[in-house]
Amino acid sequence: MEWVTNKDFPQEMTANAQNLDSALSEMEAVVNQLISMPLSEAHSCMKPLERAKYDTASVYAVTSLFWAYMKTQGVDPKTNGLPKELERVKNVIGRTKQIADKALAPKLDVSAAKRFIRGGLWESKDGEKKDDANLDSQVREEDVIKPPPNKRIRFDEDLNSTQLTNAER
């Protein structure tokens, strides 16, 4: 970091430059650790979902590093295909998260649900289950609500009584 102590370097940028240098050193250590093991060996001890997460994180990290490199060189990274690549990697990360969340989602135990429903159904003393087919045979005529008779009653105020008309008799 001798370039930070140079007299030509602005003093107000010294702290930012030192932070950048330490972040780059940490990143270099992580990248060296990742590339020290062959990819086939790393993949052999991973499950498919872990492998997908590992690969997408690696691609995202390398693409982001290349973005930062282009910025430090004074090149606008938006002018080449880098933003599309970052968006593609973000979509893959989103799909990977969906798959991981789907694996953690609760699952329906069909046999337990059947037992729960069967236990909640009403049973008569005879042991017959009450269902729609048995309901029709158990309904009594007294329980059925009948519609009113189709008779019209005309009120005659002159007679002060209720009478059926001749046509309706």
N, C-alpha and C. Protein backbone atom coordinates (compact mmCIF):
# COMPACT_ATOMS: atom_id res chain seq x y z
N MET A 1 0.83 -1.19 0.00
CA MET A 1 0.00 0.00 0.00
C MET A 1 0.87 1.24 0.00
N GLU A 2 2.01 1.14 -0.61
CA GLU A 2 2.90 2.30 -0.68
C GLU A 2 2.30 3.41 -1.52
N TRP A 3 1.36 3.10 -2.41
CA TRP A 3 0.76 4.14 -3.26
C TRP A 3 -0.15 5.05 -2.45
N VAL A 4 -0.64 4.58 -1.29
CA VAL A 4 -1.49 5.42 -0.44
C VAL A 4 -0.64 6.45 0.29
N THR A 5 0.57 6.13 0.61
CA THR A 5 1.43 7.06 1.35
C THR A 5 2.12 8.06 0.43
N ASN A 6 1.93 7.94 -0.85
CA ASN A 6 2.52 8.86 -1.81
C ASN A 6 1.95 10.27 -1.59
N LYS A 7 2.79 11.30 -1.80
CA LYS A 7 2.35 12.69 -1.59
C LYS A 7 1.32 13.12 -2.61
N ASP A 8 1.32 12.51 -3.78
CA ASP A 8 0.36 12.88 -4.82
C ASP A 8 -1.05 12.33 -4.54
N PHE A 9 -1.16 11.39 -3.64
CA PHE A 9 -2.47 10.78 -3.34
C PHE A 9 -3.23 11.69 -2.38
N PRO A 10 -4.52 12.00 -2.66
CA PRO A 10 -5.29 12.90 -1.77
C PRO A 10 -5.50 12.27 -0.39
N GLN A 11 -5.33 13.07 0.63
CA GLN A 11 -5.44 12.60 2.01
C GLN A 11 -6.87 12.15 2.36
N GLU A 12 -7.89 12.82 1.78
CA GLU A 12 -9.28 12.46 2.11
C GLU A 12 -9.67 11.08 1.54
N MET A 13 -8.89 10.57 0.61
CA MET A 13 -9.16 9.26 0.01
C MET A 13 -8.37 8.13 0.66
N THR A 14 -7.51 8.46 1.60
CA THR A 14 -6.63 7.46 2.21
C THR A 14 -7.42 6.37 2.92
N ALA A 15 -8.41 6.76 3.73
CA ALA A 15 -9.20 5.77 4.49
C ALA A 15 -9.98 4.86 3.53
N ASN A 16 -10.58 5.44 2.49
CA ASN A 16 -11.32 4.63 1.52
C ASN A 16 -10.40 3.66 0.78
N ALA A 17 -9.21 4.12 0.43
CA ALA A 17 -8.26 3.27 -0.29
C ALA A 17 -7.77 2.13 0.61
N GLN A 18 -7.56 2.42 1.88
CA GLN A 18 -7.14 1.36 2.80
C GLN A 18 -8.25 0.33 3.00
N ASN A 19 -9.50 0.78 3.09
CA ASN A 19 -10.63 -0.15 3.20
C ASN A 19 -10.75 -1.03 1.96
N LEU A 20 -10.56 -0.42 0.79
CA LEU A 20 -10.61 -1.17 -0.46
C LEU A 20 -9.49 -2.21 -0.51
N ASP A 21 -8.31 -1.82 -0.09
CA ASP A 21 -7.17 -2.74 -0.11
C ASP A 21 -7.39 -3.91 0.84
N SER A 22 -7.92 -3.65 2.04
CA SER A 22 -8.17 -4.76 2.98
C SER A 22 -9.29 -5.67 2.48
N ALA A 23 -10.33 -5.09 1.86
CA ALA A 23 -11.41 -5.91 1.30
C ALA A 23 -10.91 -6.78 0.16
N LEU A 24 -10.04 -6.22 -0.68
CA LEU A 24 -9.47 -7.00 -1.77
C LEU A 24 -8.57 -8.12 -1.25
N SER A 25 -7.84 -7.86 -0.18
CA SER A 25 -6.98 -8.89 0.41
C SER A 25 -7.82 -10.04 0.97
N GLU A 26 -8.92 -9.71 1.64
CA GLU A 26 -9.81 -10.74 2.17
C GLU A 26 -10.43 -11.56 1.04
N MET A 27 -10.84 -10.86 -0.01
CA MET A 27 -11.45 -11.52 -1.15
C MET A 27 -10.45 -12.44 -1.85
N GLU A 28 -9.22 -11.99 -1.93
CA GLU A 28 -8.18 -12.80 -2.56
C GLU A 28 -7.95 -14.09 -1.77
N ALA A 29 -7.99 -13.99 -0.44
CA ALA A 29 -7.81 -15.18 0.40
C ALA A 29 -8.96 -16.17 0.19
N VAL A 30 -10.19 -15.67 0.09
CA VAL A 30 -11.35 -16.54 -0.13
C VAL A 30 -11.28 -17.19 -1.49
N VAL A 31 -10.93 -16.43 -2.52
CA VAL A 31 -10.84 -16.97 -3.87
C VAL A 31 -9.72 -18.01 -3.95
N ASN A 32 -8.60 -17.76 -3.31
CA ASN A 32 -7.50 -18.74 -3.30
C ASN A 32 -7.93 -20.04 -2.61
N GLN A 33 -8.71 -19.91 -1.55
CA GLN A 33 -9.21 -21.09 -0.86
C GLN A 33 -10.16 -21.88 -1.77
N LEU A 34 -11.01 -21.17 -2.53
CA LEU A 34 -11.95 -21.84 -3.43
C LEU A 34 -11.25 -22.55 -4.58
N ILE A 35 -10.23 -21.92 -5.13
CA ILE A 35 -9.57 -22.52 -6.30
C ILE A 35 -8.48 -23.52 -5.91
N SER A 36 -8.17 -23.63 -4.62
CA SER A 36 -7.15 -24.58 -4.20
C SER A 36 -7.63 -26.03 -4.37
N MET A 37 -8.95 -26.26 -4.27
CA MET A 37 -9.51 -27.59 -4.42
C MET A 37 -10.10 -27.73 -5.82
N PRO A 38 -9.82 -28.83 -6.50
CA PRO A 38 -10.41 -29.02 -7.84
C PRO A 38 -11.94 -29.04 -7.77
N LEU A 39 -12.58 -28.54 -8.80
CA LEU A 39 -14.03 -28.42 -8.83
C LEU A 39 -14.71 -29.79 -8.73
N SER A 40 -14.16 -30.79 -9.39
CA SER A 40 -14.76 -32.13 -9.33
C SER A 40 -14.71 -32.70 -7.92
N GLU A 41 -13.65 -32.40 -7.20
CA GLU A 41 -13.53 -32.87 -5.83
C GLU A 41 -14.51 -32.14 -4.92
N ALA A 42 -14.66 -30.85 -5.15
CA ALA A 42 -15.62 -30.07 -4.35
C ALA A 42 -17.05 -30.54 -4.62
N HIS A 43 -17.37 -30.83 -5.88
CA HIS A 43 -18.71 -31.28 -6.23
C HIS A 43 -19.02 -32.68 -5.72
N SER A 44 -18.01 -33.51 -5.57
CA SER A 44 -18.24 -34.90 -5.18
C SER A 44 -18.81 -35.03 -3.77
N CYS A 45 -18.51 -34.10 -2.90
CA CYS A 45 -18.99 -34.19 -1.53
C CYS A 45 -20.22 -33.32 -1.27
N MET A 46 -20.85 -32.82 -2.34
CA MET A 46 -22.02 -31.95 -2.19
C MET A 46 -23.27 -32.61 -2.76
N LYS A 47 -24.41 -32.23 -2.18
CA LYS A 47 -25.71 -32.63 -2.73
C LYS A 47 -26.01 -31.73 -3.92
N PRO A 48 -26.94 -32.12 -4.78
CA PRO A 48 -27.23 -31.31 -5.98
C PRO A 48 -27.63 -29.86 -5.67
N LEU A 49 -28.44 -29.67 -4.64
CA LEU A 49 -28.86 -28.31 -4.29
C LEU A 49 -27.68 -27.49 -3.78
N GLU A 50 -26.82 -28.10 -2.97
CA GLU A 50 -25.62 -27.41 -2.49
C GLU A 50 -24.69 -27.08 -3.65
N ARG A 51 -24.59 -27.99 -4.61
CA ARG A 51 -23.75 -27.77 -5.78
C ARG A 51 -24.27 -26.58 -6.59
N ALA A 52 -25.58 -26.50 -6.75
CA ALA A 52 -26.17 -25.38 -7.49
C ALA A 52 -25.91 -24.06 -6.77
N LYS A 53 -26.06 -24.06 -5.46
CA LYS A 53 -25.78 -22.84 -4.69
C LYS A 53 -24.31 -22.44 -4.80
N TYR A 54 -23.43 -23.42 -4.71
CA TYR A 54 -21.99 -23.17 -4.81
C TYR A 54 -21.63 -22.58 -6.17
N ASP A 55 -22.15 -23.19 -7.22
CA ASP A 55 -21.83 -22.73 -8.57
C ASP A 55 -22.39 -21.34 -8.85
N THR A 56 -23.63 -21.09 -8.45
CA THR A 56 -24.21 -19.76 -8.71
C THR A 56 -23.51 -18.69 -7.89
N ALA A 57 -23.14 -19.01 -6.66
CA ALA A 57 -22.41 -18.03 -5.84
C ALA A 57 -21.05 -17.73 -6.45
N SER A 58 -20.40 -18.76 -6.97
CA SER A 58 -19.09 -18.56 -7.61
C SER A 58 -19.21 -17.69 -8.85
N VAL A 59 -20.19 -17.99 -9.69
CA VAL A 59 -20.38 -17.19 -10.92
C VAL A 59 -20.73 -15.75 -10.57
N TYR A 60 -21.58 -15.56 -9.58
CA TYR A 60 -21.96 -14.20 -9.17
C TYR A 60 -20.75 -13.44 -8.63
N ALA A 61 -19.92 -14.12 -7.84
CA ALA A 61 -18.74 -13.46 -7.27
C ALA A 61 -17.75 -13.06 -8.37
N VAL A 62 -17.50 -13.97 -9.31
CA VAL A 62 -16.55 -13.66 -10.39
C VAL A 62 -17.08 -12.52 -11.26
N THR A 63 -18.37 -12.56 -11.57
CA THR A 63 -18.97 -11.50 -12.39
C THR A 63 -18.91 -10.16 -11.67
N SER A 64 -19.19 -10.18 -10.37
CA SER A 64 -19.11 -8.93 -9.59
C SER A 64 -17.68 -8.40 -9.52
N LEU A 65 -16.72 -9.30 -9.37
CA LEU A 65 -15.32 -8.88 -9.36
C LEU A 65 -14.92 -8.27 -10.70
N PHE A 66 -15.39 -8.87 -11.78
CA PHE A 66 -15.08 -8.32 -13.09
C PHE A 66 -15.73 -6.95 -13.26
N TRP A 67 -16.92 -6.78 -12.73
CA TRP A 67 -17.61 -5.47 -12.75
C TRP A 67 -16.74 -4.44 -12.03
N ALA A 68 -16.27 -4.80 -10.82
CA ALA A 68 -15.43 -3.88 -10.05
C ALA A 68 -14.13 -3.59 -10.78
N TYR A 69 -13.54 -4.59 -11.41
CA TYR A 69 -12.31 -4.39 -12.17
C TYR A 69 -12.53 -3.40 -13.30
N MET A 70 -13.62 -3.56 -14.03
CA MET A 70 -13.91 -2.65 -15.14
C MET A 70 -14.11 -1.22 -14.64
N LYS A 71 -14.77 -1.09 -13.49
CA LYS A 71 -14.97 0.25 -12.92
C LYS A 71 -13.63 0.89 -12.55
N THR A 72 -12.73 0.09 -11.97
CA THR A 72 -11.43 0.65 -11.58
C THR A 72 -10.58 1.02 -12.79
N GLN A 73 -10.85 0.40 -13.93
CA GLN A 73 -10.11 0.71 -15.16
C GLN A 73 -10.74 1.87 -15.93
N GLY A 74 -11.86 2.38 -15.41
CA GLY A 74 -12.52 3.51 -16.06
C GLY A 74 -13.44 3.11 -17.21
N VAL A 75 -13.78 1.85 -17.31
CA VAL A 75 -14.67 1.36 -18.37
C VAL A 75 -16.07 1.19 -17.77
N ASP A 76 -17.08 1.63 -18.50
CA ASP A 76 -18.45 1.48 -18.03
C ASP A 76 -18.90 0.03 -18.25
N PRO A 77 -19.14 -0.73 -17.17
CA PRO A 77 -19.50 -2.15 -17.34
C PRO A 77 -20.90 -2.35 -17.93
N LYS A 78 -21.71 -1.30 -17.96
CA LYS A 78 -23.06 -1.41 -18.50
C LYS A 78 -23.07 -1.48 -20.03
N THR A 79 -21.95 -1.15 -20.66
CA THR A 79 -21.91 -1.13 -22.12
C THR A 79 -21.71 -2.52 -22.72
N ASN A 80 -21.25 -3.49 -21.95
CA ASN A 80 -21.09 -4.84 -22.49
C ASN A 80 -22.18 -5.75 -21.90
N GLY A 81 -22.07 -7.03 -22.02
CA GLY A 81 -23.10 -7.97 -21.59
C GLY A 81 -23.09 -8.30 -20.11
N LEU A 82 -22.34 -7.56 -19.32
CA LEU A 82 -22.22 -7.87 -17.90
C LEU A 82 -23.55 -7.71 -17.14
N PRO A 83 -24.32 -6.66 -17.36
CA PRO A 83 -25.60 -6.56 -16.64
C PRO A 83 -26.55 -7.72 -16.94
N LYS A 84 -26.57 -8.17 -18.19
CA LYS A 84 -27.42 -9.31 -18.55
C LYS A 84 -26.96 -10.57 -17.83
N GLU A 85 -25.66 -10.73 -17.74
CA GLU A 85 -25.11 -11.91 -17.06
C GLU A 85 -25.44 -11.88 -15.57
N LEU A 86 -25.31 -10.70 -14.95
CA LEU A 86 -25.66 -10.58 -13.53
C LEU A 86 -27.14 -10.86 -13.32
N GLU A 87 -27.99 -10.37 -14.20
CA GLU A 87 -29.44 -10.62 -14.09
C GLU A 87 -29.74 -12.10 -14.25
N ARG A 88 -29.06 -12.75 -15.18
CA ARG A 88 -29.26 -14.19 -15.39
C ARG A 88 -28.86 -14.97 -14.14
N VAL A 89 -27.74 -14.59 -13.53
CA VAL A 89 -27.28 -15.28 -12.32
C VAL A 89 -28.25 -15.03 -11.17
N LYS A 90 -28.78 -13.81 -11.07
CA LYS A 90 -29.76 -13.52 -10.02
C LYS A 90 -31.02 -14.37 -10.20
N ASN A 91 -31.44 -14.58 -11.44
CA ASN A 91 -32.61 -15.43 -11.70
C ASN A 91 -32.34 -16.87 -11.29
N VAL A 92 -31.13 -17.35 -11.57
CA VAL A 92 -30.78 -18.72 -11.17
C VAL A 92 -30.74 -18.83 -9.65
N ILE A 93 -30.23 -17.82 -8.98
CA ILE A 93 -30.21 -17.83 -7.51
C ILE A 93 -31.64 -17.85 -6.98
N GLY A 94 -32.54 -17.08 -7.60
CA GLY A 94 -33.95 -17.08 -7.20
C GLY A 94 -34.60 -18.45 -7.38
N ARG A 95 -34.32 -19.10 -8.50
CA ARG A 95 -34.88 -20.44 -8.73
C ARG A 95 -34.32 -21.44 -7.73
N THR A 96 -33.04 -21.30 -7.40
CA THR A 96 -32.43 -22.19 -6.41
C THR A 96 -33.09 -22.01 -5.05
N LYS A 97 -33.38 -20.77 -4.69
CA LYS A 97 -34.07 -20.51 -3.42
C LYS A 97 -35.47 -21.10 -3.42
N GLN A 98 -36.17 -21.00 -4.55
CA GLN A 98 -37.51 -21.59 -4.65
C GLN A 98 -37.46 -23.10 -4.44
N ILE A 99 -36.48 -23.74 -5.03
CA ILE A 99 -36.34 -25.19 -4.87
C ILE A 99 -36.04 -25.54 -3.42
N ALA A 100 -35.17 -24.75 -2.80
CA ALA A 100 -34.83 -25.01 -1.39
C ALA A 100 -36.05 -24.79 -0.50
N ASP A 101 -36.83 -23.74 -0.77
CA ASP A 101 -38.02 -23.47 0.03
C ASP A 101 -39.08 -24.54 -0.18
N LYS A 102 -39.17 -25.06 -1.40
CA LYS A 102 -40.15 -26.10 -1.70
C LYS A 102 -39.83 -27.37 -0.91
N ALA A 103 -38.56 -27.65 -0.73
CA ALA A 103 -38.16 -28.83 0.04
C ALA A 103 -38.51 -28.67 1.52
N LEU A 104 -38.54 -27.43 2.00
CA LEU A 104 -38.85 -27.18 3.41
C LEU A 104 -40.35 -27.00 3.66
N ALA A 105 -41.15 -26.92 2.60
CA ALA A 105 -42.58 -26.68 2.74
C ALA A 105 -43.24 -27.88 3.43
N PRO A 106 -44.31 -27.62 4.20
CA PRO A 106 -44.99 -28.74 4.85
C PRO A 106 -45.65 -29.65 3.81
N LYS A 107 -45.66 -30.92 4.12
CA LYS A 107 -46.24 -31.90 3.21
C LYS A 107 -47.47 -32.51 3.86
N LEU A 108 -48.45 -32.87 3.05
CA LEU A 108 -49.69 -33.45 3.53
C LEU A 108 -49.52 -34.95 3.74
N ASP A 109 -49.83 -35.39 4.93
CA ASP A 109 -49.83 -36.81 5.24
C ASP A 109 -51.24 -37.32 4.94
N VAL A 110 -51.40 -37.97 3.79
CA VAL A 110 -52.72 -38.35 3.30
C VAL A 110 -53.39 -39.34 4.24
N SER A 111 -52.65 -40.31 4.73
CA SER A 111 -53.27 -41.31 5.61
C SER A 111 -53.74 -40.67 6.92
N ALA A 112 -52.98 -39.73 7.45
CA ALA A 112 -53.40 -39.04 8.68
C ALA A 112 -54.63 -38.18 8.41
N ALA A 113 -54.69 -37.54 7.25
CA ALA A 113 -55.86 -36.73 6.92
C ALA A 113 -57.10 -37.60 6.79
N LYS A 114 -56.97 -38.78 6.19
CA LYS A 114 -58.11 -39.70 6.08
C LYS A 114 -58.58 -40.14 7.46
N ARG A 115 -57.64 -40.46 8.34
CA ARG A 115 -58.03 -40.87 9.70
C ARG A 115 -58.72 -39.74 10.43
N PHE A 116 -58.23 -38.52 10.25
CA PHE A 116 -58.82 -37.36 10.90
C PHE A 116 -60.26 -37.15 10.43
N ILE A 117 -60.48 -37.24 9.13
CA ILE A 117 -61.82 -37.03 8.58
C ILE A 117 -62.74 -38.17 9.00
N ARG A 118 -62.25 -39.40 8.93
CA ARG A 118 -63.06 -40.55 9.33
C ARG A 118 -63.46 -40.44 10.80
N GLY A 119 -62.56 -39.98 11.63
CA GLY A 119 -62.86 -39.84 13.05
C GLY A 119 -63.84 -38.73 13.34
N GLY A 120 -63.93 -37.75 12.47
CA GLY A 120 -64.84 -36.63 12.68
C GLY A 120 -66.23 -36.87 12.16
N LEU A 121 -66.44 -37.94 11.38
CA LEU A 121 -67.77 -38.23 10.84
C LEU A 121 -68.65 -38.82 11.94
N TRP A 122 -69.95 -38.53 11.85
CA TRP A 122 -70.91 -39.01 12.82
C TRP A 122 -71.22 -40.47 12.56
N GLU A 123 -71.35 -41.25 13.62
CA GLU A 123 -71.73 -42.64 13.50
C GLU A 123 -72.93 -42.89 14.40
N SER A 124 -73.90 -43.67 13.90
CA SER A 124 -75.06 -44.01 14.71
C SER A 124 -74.68 -45.11 15.70
N LYS A 125 -75.64 -45.48 16.55
CA LYS A 125 -75.37 -46.53 17.53
C LYS A 125 -75.13 -47.88 16.86
N ASP A 126 -75.73 -48.03 15.68
CA ASP A 126 -75.56 -49.29 14.94
C ASP A 126 -74.20 -49.38 14.28
N GLY A 127 -73.48 -48.30 14.26
CA GLY A 127 -72.17 -48.31 13.63
C GLY A 127 -72.19 -47.86 12.18
N GLU A 128 -73.39 -47.46 11.70
CA GLU A 128 -73.46 -46.99 10.32
C GLU A 128 -72.97 -45.55 10.26
N LYS A 129 -72.22 -45.28 9.26
CA LYS A 129 -71.75 -43.91 9.07
C LYS A 129 -72.85 -43.10 8.42
N LYS A 130 -72.97 -41.86 8.82
CA LYS A 130 -73.99 -40.98 8.27
C LYS A 130 -73.38 -40.26 7.08
N ASP A 131 -73.91 -40.54 5.92
CA ASP A 131 -73.46 -39.84 4.73
C ASP A 131 -74.67 -39.42 3.93
N ASP A 132 -74.48 -38.85 2.76
CA ASP A 132 -75.57 -38.31 1.97
C ASP A 132 -76.56 -39.39 1.54
N ALA A 133 -76.12 -40.59 1.27
CA ALA A 133 -77.02 -41.66 0.83
C ALA A 133 -77.95 -42.07 1.96
N ASN A 134 -77.45 -42.13 3.19
CA ASN A 134 -78.28 -42.52 4.33
C ASN A 134 -79.19 -41.38 4.78
N LEU A 135 -78.83 -40.16 4.52
CA LEU A 135 -79.64 -39.03 4.95
C LEU A 135 -81.01 -39.05 4.29
N ASP A 136 -81.08 -39.38 3.02
CA ASP A 136 -82.35 -39.36 2.30
C ASP A 136 -83.32 -40.38 2.89
N SER A 137 -82.86 -41.53 3.29
CA SER A 137 -83.74 -42.57 3.82
C SER A 137 -84.16 -42.27 5.26
N GLN A 138 -83.44 -41.43 5.98
CA GLN A 138 -83.74 -41.15 7.37
C GLN A 138 -84.67 -39.95 7.56
N VAL A 139 -84.99 -39.24 6.51
CA VAL A 139 -85.84 -38.06 6.63
C VAL A 139 -87.29 -38.51 6.74
N ARG A 140 -88.00 -37.98 7.75
CA ARG A 140 -89.40 -38.32 7.95
C ARG A 140 -90.27 -37.29 7.25
N GLU A 141 -91.52 -37.69 6.96
CA GLU A 141 -92.43 -36.77 6.27
C GLU A 141 -92.78 -35.58 7.14
N GLU A 142 -92.84 -35.77 8.44
CA GLU A 142 -93.19 -34.66 9.34
C GLU A 142 -92.10 -33.58 9.35
N ASP A 143 -90.87 -34.00 9.06
CA ASP A 143 -89.74 -33.06 9.08
C ASP A 143 -89.68 -32.20 7.83
N VAL A 144 -90.37 -32.61 6.77
CA VAL A 144 -90.30 -31.89 5.51
C VAL A 144 -91.23 -30.69 5.58
N ILE A 145 -90.74 -29.55 5.22
CA ILE A 145 -91.56 -28.34 5.19
C ILE A 145 -92.30 -28.32 3.87
N LYS A 146 -93.63 -28.28 3.97
CA LYS A 146 -94.45 -28.29 2.77
C LYS A 146 -94.79 -26.86 2.39
N PRO A 147 -94.93 -26.60 1.10
CA PRO A 147 -95.33 -25.26 0.68
C PRO A 147 -96.80 -25.03 1.01
N PRO A 148 -97.21 -23.77 1.14
CA PRO A 148 -98.62 -23.49 1.46
C PRO A 148 -99.52 -23.94 0.30
N PRO A 149 -100.80 -24.23 0.60
CA PRO A 149 -101.72 -24.65 -0.46
C PRO A 149 -101.94 -23.53 -1.47
N ASN A 150 -102.26 -23.92 -2.68
CA ASN A 150 -102.46 -22.93 -3.74
C ASN A 150 -103.91 -22.43 -3.75
N LYS A 151 -104.34 -21.87 -2.69
CA LYS A 151 -105.69 -21.31 -2.61
C LYS A 151 -105.56 -19.82 -2.39
N ARG A 152 -106.38 -19.12 -3.11
CA ARG A 152 -106.42 -17.67 -2.91
C ARG A 152 -107.65 -17.32 -2.06
N ILE A 153 -107.39 -16.55 -1.11
CA ILE A 153 -108.48 -16.12 -0.25
C ILE A 153 -108.75 -14.66 -0.54
N ARG A 154 -110.05 -14.36 -0.82
CA ARG A 154 -110.41 -12.99 -1.08
C ARG A 154 -111.14 -12.45 0.14
N PHE A 155 -110.67 -11.32 0.57
CA PHE A 155 -111.26 -10.69 1.73
C PHE A 155 -112.35 -9.74 1.25
N ASP A 156 -113.52 -9.95 1.73
CA ASP A 156 -114.65 -9.10 1.35
C ASP A 156 -114.96 -8.22 2.56
N GLU A 157 -114.72 -6.97 2.44
CA GLU A 157 -114.90 -6.06 3.56
C GLU A 157 -116.37 -5.86 3.90
N ASP A 158 -117.24 -6.11 2.93
CA ASP A 158 -118.67 -5.94 3.21
C ASP A 158 -119.16 -7.01 4.17
N LEU A 159 -118.61 -8.19 4.05
CA LEU A 159 -119.08 -9.29 4.89
C LEU A 159 -118.26 -9.42 6.17
N ASN A 160 -117.11 -8.75 6.21
CA ASN A 160 -116.20 -8.83 7.36
C ASN A 160 -115.84 -10.27 7.71
N SER A 161 -115.74 -11.08 6.68
CA SER A 161 -115.36 -12.46 6.93
C SER A 161 -114.50 -12.95 5.76
N THR A 162 -113.85 -13.99 6.00
CA THR A 162 -112.99 -14.56 4.99
C THR A 162 -113.77 -15.66 4.29
N GLN A 163 -113.86 -15.58 2.96
CA GLN A 163 -114.59 -16.58 2.20
C GLN A 163 -113.77 -16.99 0.99
N LEU A 164 -113.95 -18.20 0.57
CA LEU A 164 -113.34 -18.65 -0.67
C LEU A 164 -114.25 -18.25 -1.81
N THR A 165 -113.68 -17.84 -2.87
CA THR A 165 -114.50 -17.46 -4.03
C THR A 165 -115.07 -18.71 -4.67
N ASN A 166 -116.13 -18.52 -5.43
CA ASN A 166 -116.79 -19.65 -6.08
C ASN A 166 -115.86 -20.34 -7.06
N ALA A 167 -115.04 -19.60 -7.74
CA ALA A 167 -114.15 -20.19 -8.73
C ALA A 167 -113.08 -21.06 -8.08
N GLU A 168 -112.78 -20.80 -6.84
CA GLU A 168 -111.70 -21.52 -6.18
C GLU A 168 -112.19 -22.74 -5.42
N ARG A 169 -113.52 -22.88 -5.28
CA ARG A 169 -114.04 -24.02 -4.52
C ARG A 169 -113.99 -25.24 -5.30
